[in-house]
N, C-alpha and C. Protein backbone atom coordinates (compact mmCIF):
# COMPACT_ATOMS: atom_id res chain seq x y z
N MET A 1 66.03 -61.93 28.43
CA MET A 1 64.61 -62.18 28.34
C MET A 1 63.85 -61.39 29.40
N ASN A 2 64.39 -61.39 30.62
CA ASN A 2 63.74 -60.67 31.71
C ASN A 2 63.70 -59.17 31.46
N SER A 3 64.77 -58.64 30.88
CA SER A 3 64.80 -57.20 30.61
C SER A 3 63.81 -56.82 29.51
N LEU A 4 63.59 -57.72 28.55
CA LEU A 4 62.61 -57.47 27.50
C LEU A 4 61.20 -57.43 28.07
N VAL A 5 60.89 -58.34 28.95
CA VAL A 5 59.57 -58.38 29.59
C VAL A 5 59.37 -57.14 30.45
N ALA A 6 60.41 -56.76 31.18
CA ALA A 6 60.33 -55.57 32.02
C ALA A 6 60.12 -54.32 31.17
N ALA A 7 60.81 -54.24 30.04
CA ALA A 7 60.65 -53.08 29.15
C ALA A 7 59.25 -53.04 28.55
N LEU A 8 58.72 -54.18 28.17
CA LEU A 8 57.36 -54.23 27.61
C LEU A 8 56.32 -53.85 28.66
N LEU A 9 56.52 -54.33 29.89
CA LEU A 9 55.59 -53.97 30.98
C LEU A 9 55.67 -52.48 31.29
N ALA A 10 56.87 -51.93 31.27
CA ALA A 10 57.03 -50.49 31.51
C ALA A 10 56.36 -49.68 30.40
N ALA A 11 56.52 -50.11 29.15
CA ALA A 11 55.89 -49.42 28.03
C ALA A 11 54.37 -49.50 28.12
N LEU A 12 53.87 -50.66 28.50
CA LEU A 12 52.42 -50.83 28.66
C LEU A 12 51.89 -49.95 29.79
N LEU A 13 52.63 -49.88 30.86
CA LEU A 13 52.24 -49.03 31.98
C LEU A 13 52.21 -47.56 31.57
N LEU A 14 53.21 -47.12 30.84
CA LEU A 14 53.24 -45.74 30.37
C LEU A 14 52.09 -45.45 29.40
N LEU A 15 51.78 -46.40 28.56
CA LEU A 15 50.66 -46.23 27.63
C LEU A 15 49.33 -46.12 28.36
N LEU A 16 49.13 -46.97 29.36
CA LEU A 16 47.90 -46.91 30.15
C LEU A 16 47.81 -45.62 30.95
N LEU A 17 48.92 -45.18 31.51
CA LEU A 17 48.94 -43.93 32.26
C LEU A 17 48.62 -42.74 31.35
N ALA A 18 49.19 -42.73 30.16
CA ALA A 18 48.92 -41.65 29.21
C ALA A 18 47.45 -41.67 28.78
N ALA A 19 46.90 -42.85 28.53
CA ALA A 19 45.48 -42.94 28.16
C ALA A 19 44.59 -42.46 29.29
N TRP A 20 44.95 -42.78 30.51
CA TRP A 20 44.15 -42.34 31.65
C TRP A 20 44.18 -40.82 31.77
N ARG A 21 45.36 -40.23 31.67
CA ARG A 21 45.48 -38.78 31.86
C ARG A 21 44.94 -37.98 30.67
N LEU A 22 45.08 -38.49 29.47
CA LEU A 22 44.70 -37.71 28.29
C LEU A 22 43.28 -37.98 27.80
N VAL A 23 42.71 -39.12 28.14
CA VAL A 23 41.39 -39.46 27.62
C VAL A 23 40.37 -39.61 28.74
N TRP A 24 40.63 -40.54 29.64
CA TRP A 24 39.60 -40.87 30.62
C TRP A 24 39.38 -39.75 31.62
N ARG A 25 40.43 -39.19 32.18
CA ARG A 25 40.30 -38.19 33.25
C ARG A 25 39.56 -36.93 32.78
N PRO A 26 39.89 -36.31 31.64
CA PRO A 26 39.13 -35.13 31.22
C PRO A 26 37.65 -35.44 30.98
N ARG A 27 37.35 -36.60 30.44
CA ARG A 27 35.95 -36.96 30.23
C ARG A 27 35.23 -37.19 31.55
N ALA A 28 35.91 -37.78 32.52
CA ALA A 28 35.30 -37.99 33.83
C ALA A 28 35.01 -36.66 34.52
N VAL A 29 35.92 -35.72 34.41
CA VAL A 29 35.71 -34.40 35.01
C VAL A 29 34.54 -33.70 34.31
N ALA A 30 34.47 -33.78 32.99
CA ALA A 30 33.36 -33.15 32.26
C ALA A 30 32.02 -33.76 32.65
N ARG A 31 31.98 -35.08 32.80
CA ARG A 31 30.73 -35.74 33.23
C ARG A 31 30.35 -35.30 34.64
N SER A 32 31.31 -35.21 35.52
CA SER A 32 31.05 -34.80 36.89
C SER A 32 30.51 -33.37 36.94
N LEU A 33 31.11 -32.49 36.18
CA LEU A 33 30.63 -31.10 36.13
C LEU A 33 29.25 -31.01 35.50
N ALA A 34 28.98 -31.82 34.48
CA ALA A 34 27.66 -31.81 33.84
C ALA A 34 26.59 -32.30 34.82
N ARG A 35 26.91 -33.27 35.65
CA ARG A 35 25.95 -33.73 36.66
C ARG A 35 25.62 -32.64 37.66
N GLN A 36 26.56 -31.71 37.88
CA GLN A 36 26.34 -30.61 38.81
C GLN A 36 25.66 -29.43 38.13
N GLY A 37 25.41 -29.55 36.82
CA GLY A 37 24.72 -28.49 36.10
C GLY A 37 25.64 -27.51 35.40
N LEU A 38 26.92 -27.78 35.37
CA LEU A 38 27.87 -26.89 34.71
C LEU A 38 28.14 -27.42 33.31
N GLN A 39 27.65 -26.71 32.32
CA GLN A 39 27.89 -27.09 30.94
C GLN A 39 29.01 -26.21 30.39
N GLY A 40 29.71 -26.72 29.45
CA GLY A 40 30.79 -25.97 28.85
C GLY A 40 31.07 -26.49 27.46
N LEU A 41 32.24 -26.16 26.97
CA LEU A 41 32.64 -26.63 25.66
C LEU A 41 32.86 -28.14 25.69
N PRO A 42 32.57 -28.84 24.61
CA PRO A 42 32.81 -30.28 24.61
C PRO A 42 34.31 -30.58 24.61
N TYR A 43 34.66 -31.74 25.16
CA TYR A 43 36.07 -32.14 25.24
C TYR A 43 36.57 -32.53 23.86
N ARG A 44 37.73 -32.00 23.51
CA ARG A 44 38.40 -32.39 22.27
C ARG A 44 39.79 -32.89 22.62
N PHE A 45 40.13 -34.05 22.14
CA PHE A 45 41.39 -34.71 22.48
C PHE A 45 42.58 -33.82 22.14
N LEU A 46 43.41 -33.57 23.10
CA LEU A 46 44.64 -32.78 23.03
C LEU A 46 44.44 -31.30 22.71
N ALA A 47 43.53 -30.96 21.83
CA ALA A 47 43.38 -29.55 21.43
C ALA A 47 42.59 -28.75 22.45
N GLY A 48 41.64 -29.39 23.12
CA GLY A 48 40.82 -28.66 24.08
C GLY A 48 40.02 -27.57 23.40
N SER A 49 40.06 -26.39 23.95
CA SER A 49 39.32 -25.27 23.39
C SER A 49 40.25 -24.25 22.73
N LEU A 50 41.42 -24.69 22.33
CA LEU A 50 42.40 -23.76 21.75
C LEU A 50 41.92 -23.14 20.44
N THR A 51 41.21 -23.91 19.62
CA THR A 51 40.76 -23.36 18.34
C THR A 51 39.76 -22.24 18.55
N GLU A 52 38.82 -22.41 19.48
CA GLU A 52 37.86 -21.35 19.74
C GLU A 52 38.53 -20.16 20.41
N ALA A 53 39.46 -20.40 21.31
CA ALA A 53 40.18 -19.31 21.97
C ALA A 53 40.96 -18.49 20.95
N LYS A 54 41.59 -19.15 20.01
CA LYS A 54 42.35 -18.43 18.99
C LYS A 54 41.42 -17.62 18.09
N ARG A 55 40.28 -18.22 17.71
CA ARG A 55 39.32 -17.51 16.87
C ARG A 55 38.78 -16.27 17.58
N LEU A 56 38.48 -16.39 18.86
CA LEU A 56 37.96 -15.25 19.62
C LEU A 56 39.02 -14.16 19.80
N ALA A 57 40.26 -14.56 20.02
CA ALA A 57 41.33 -13.58 20.19
C ALA A 57 41.57 -12.80 18.91
N VAL A 58 41.55 -13.48 17.77
CA VAL A 58 41.74 -12.79 16.49
C VAL A 58 40.57 -11.86 16.21
N ALA A 59 39.35 -12.32 16.47
CA ALA A 59 38.18 -11.48 16.25
C ALA A 59 38.20 -10.26 17.16
N ARG A 60 38.68 -10.43 18.38
CA ARG A 60 38.73 -9.32 19.33
C ARG A 60 39.76 -8.28 18.88
N ARG A 61 40.89 -8.72 18.35
CA ARG A 61 41.92 -7.78 17.90
C ARG A 61 41.46 -6.98 16.70
N ARG A 62 40.66 -7.60 15.85
CA ARG A 62 40.19 -6.89 14.66
C ARG A 62 39.26 -5.74 15.00
N GLY A 63 38.31 -5.99 15.89
CA GLY A 63 37.30 -4.98 16.18
C GLY A 63 37.41 -4.39 17.56
N ALA A 64 38.62 -4.30 18.09
CA ALA A 64 38.80 -3.81 19.45
C ALA A 64 38.72 -2.30 19.50
N PRO A 65 37.77 -1.77 20.26
CA PRO A 65 37.75 -0.32 20.45
C PRO A 65 38.86 0.08 21.41
N PRO A 66 39.23 1.34 21.45
CA PRO A 66 40.27 1.75 22.40
C PRO A 66 39.79 1.58 23.84
N LEU A 67 40.74 1.36 24.71
CA LEU A 67 40.40 1.19 26.12
C LEU A 67 39.86 2.49 26.70
N ASP A 68 38.83 2.36 27.52
CA ASP A 68 38.27 3.51 28.22
C ASP A 68 39.13 3.75 29.45
N ALA A 69 39.66 4.96 29.60
CA ALA A 69 40.56 5.26 30.71
C ALA A 69 39.83 5.23 32.05
N ALA A 70 38.52 5.41 32.06
CA ALA A 70 37.77 5.43 33.31
C ALA A 70 37.36 4.02 33.75
N SER A 71 37.47 3.06 32.87
CA SER A 71 37.02 1.71 33.19
C SER A 71 38.19 0.83 33.61
N HIS A 72 37.94 0.02 34.63
CA HIS A 72 38.95 -0.92 35.09
C HIS A 72 38.64 -2.33 34.60
N ASP A 73 37.64 -2.48 33.77
CA ASP A 73 37.25 -3.80 33.25
C ASP A 73 38.11 -4.12 32.03
N ILE A 74 39.24 -4.76 32.26
CA ILE A 74 40.15 -5.09 31.17
C ILE A 74 40.06 -6.55 30.75
N MET A 75 39.18 -7.31 31.41
CA MET A 75 39.06 -8.73 31.12
C MET A 75 38.72 -9.01 29.66
N PRO A 76 37.78 -8.29 29.03
CA PRO A 76 37.49 -8.57 27.62
C PRO A 76 38.69 -8.34 26.70
N PHE A 77 39.61 -7.50 27.10
CA PHE A 77 40.78 -7.22 26.27
C PHE A 77 41.89 -8.23 26.50
N LEU A 78 42.06 -8.65 27.75
CA LEU A 78 43.14 -9.58 28.07
C LEU A 78 42.80 -11.02 27.71
N LEU A 79 41.60 -11.44 28.08
CA LEU A 79 41.19 -12.83 27.86
C LEU A 79 39.80 -12.88 27.23
N PRO A 80 39.71 -12.58 25.94
CA PRO A 80 38.38 -12.59 25.32
C PRO A 80 37.68 -13.94 25.37
N PRO A 81 38.39 -15.08 25.25
CA PRO A 81 37.67 -16.36 25.35
C PRO A 81 37.04 -16.55 26.72
N PHE A 82 37.79 -16.21 27.77
CA PHE A 82 37.26 -16.38 29.12
C PHE A 82 36.06 -15.47 29.34
N HIS A 83 36.15 -14.25 28.86
CA HIS A 83 35.03 -13.31 29.00
C HIS A 83 33.78 -13.84 28.29
N LYS A 84 33.94 -14.39 27.10
CA LYS A 84 32.80 -14.93 26.37
C LYS A 84 32.23 -16.17 27.04
N TRP A 85 33.11 -17.05 27.53
CA TRP A 85 32.64 -18.28 28.17
C TRP A 85 31.90 -17.98 29.46
N VAL A 86 32.34 -16.96 30.21
CA VAL A 86 31.62 -16.59 31.41
C VAL A 86 30.24 -16.06 31.05
N ALA A 87 30.18 -15.28 29.97
CA ALA A 87 28.88 -14.77 29.53
C ALA A 87 27.98 -15.92 29.04
N ASP A 88 28.55 -16.90 28.36
CA ASP A 88 27.75 -18.01 27.82
C ASP A 88 27.36 -19.03 28.88
N TYR A 89 28.31 -19.42 29.72
CA TYR A 89 28.10 -20.54 30.63
C TYR A 89 27.95 -20.14 32.09
N GLY A 90 28.18 -18.91 32.41
CA GLY A 90 28.07 -18.45 33.80
C GLY A 90 29.37 -18.62 34.55
N LYS A 91 29.37 -18.04 35.75
CA LYS A 91 30.60 -18.10 36.57
C LYS A 91 30.72 -19.42 37.26
């Protein structure tokens, strides 16, 4: 009986910890950043901004011009989502 109660308490603790890390904490960070004036993409449970990052990467590969040998700005080619987000939301 004691081991069953201990197992249920451990499972409940793990569930609460997972809910805190996956739901509450990201929302709290987003609210804190919004209070400081930093806006960004809305929080999406587990997926985050992966769908937009994938869409931007595919779009960048389709219409990518060749790299300019004189330019050292490779950020738009390596991380197109980051480059777009910096342009949209600032540094």
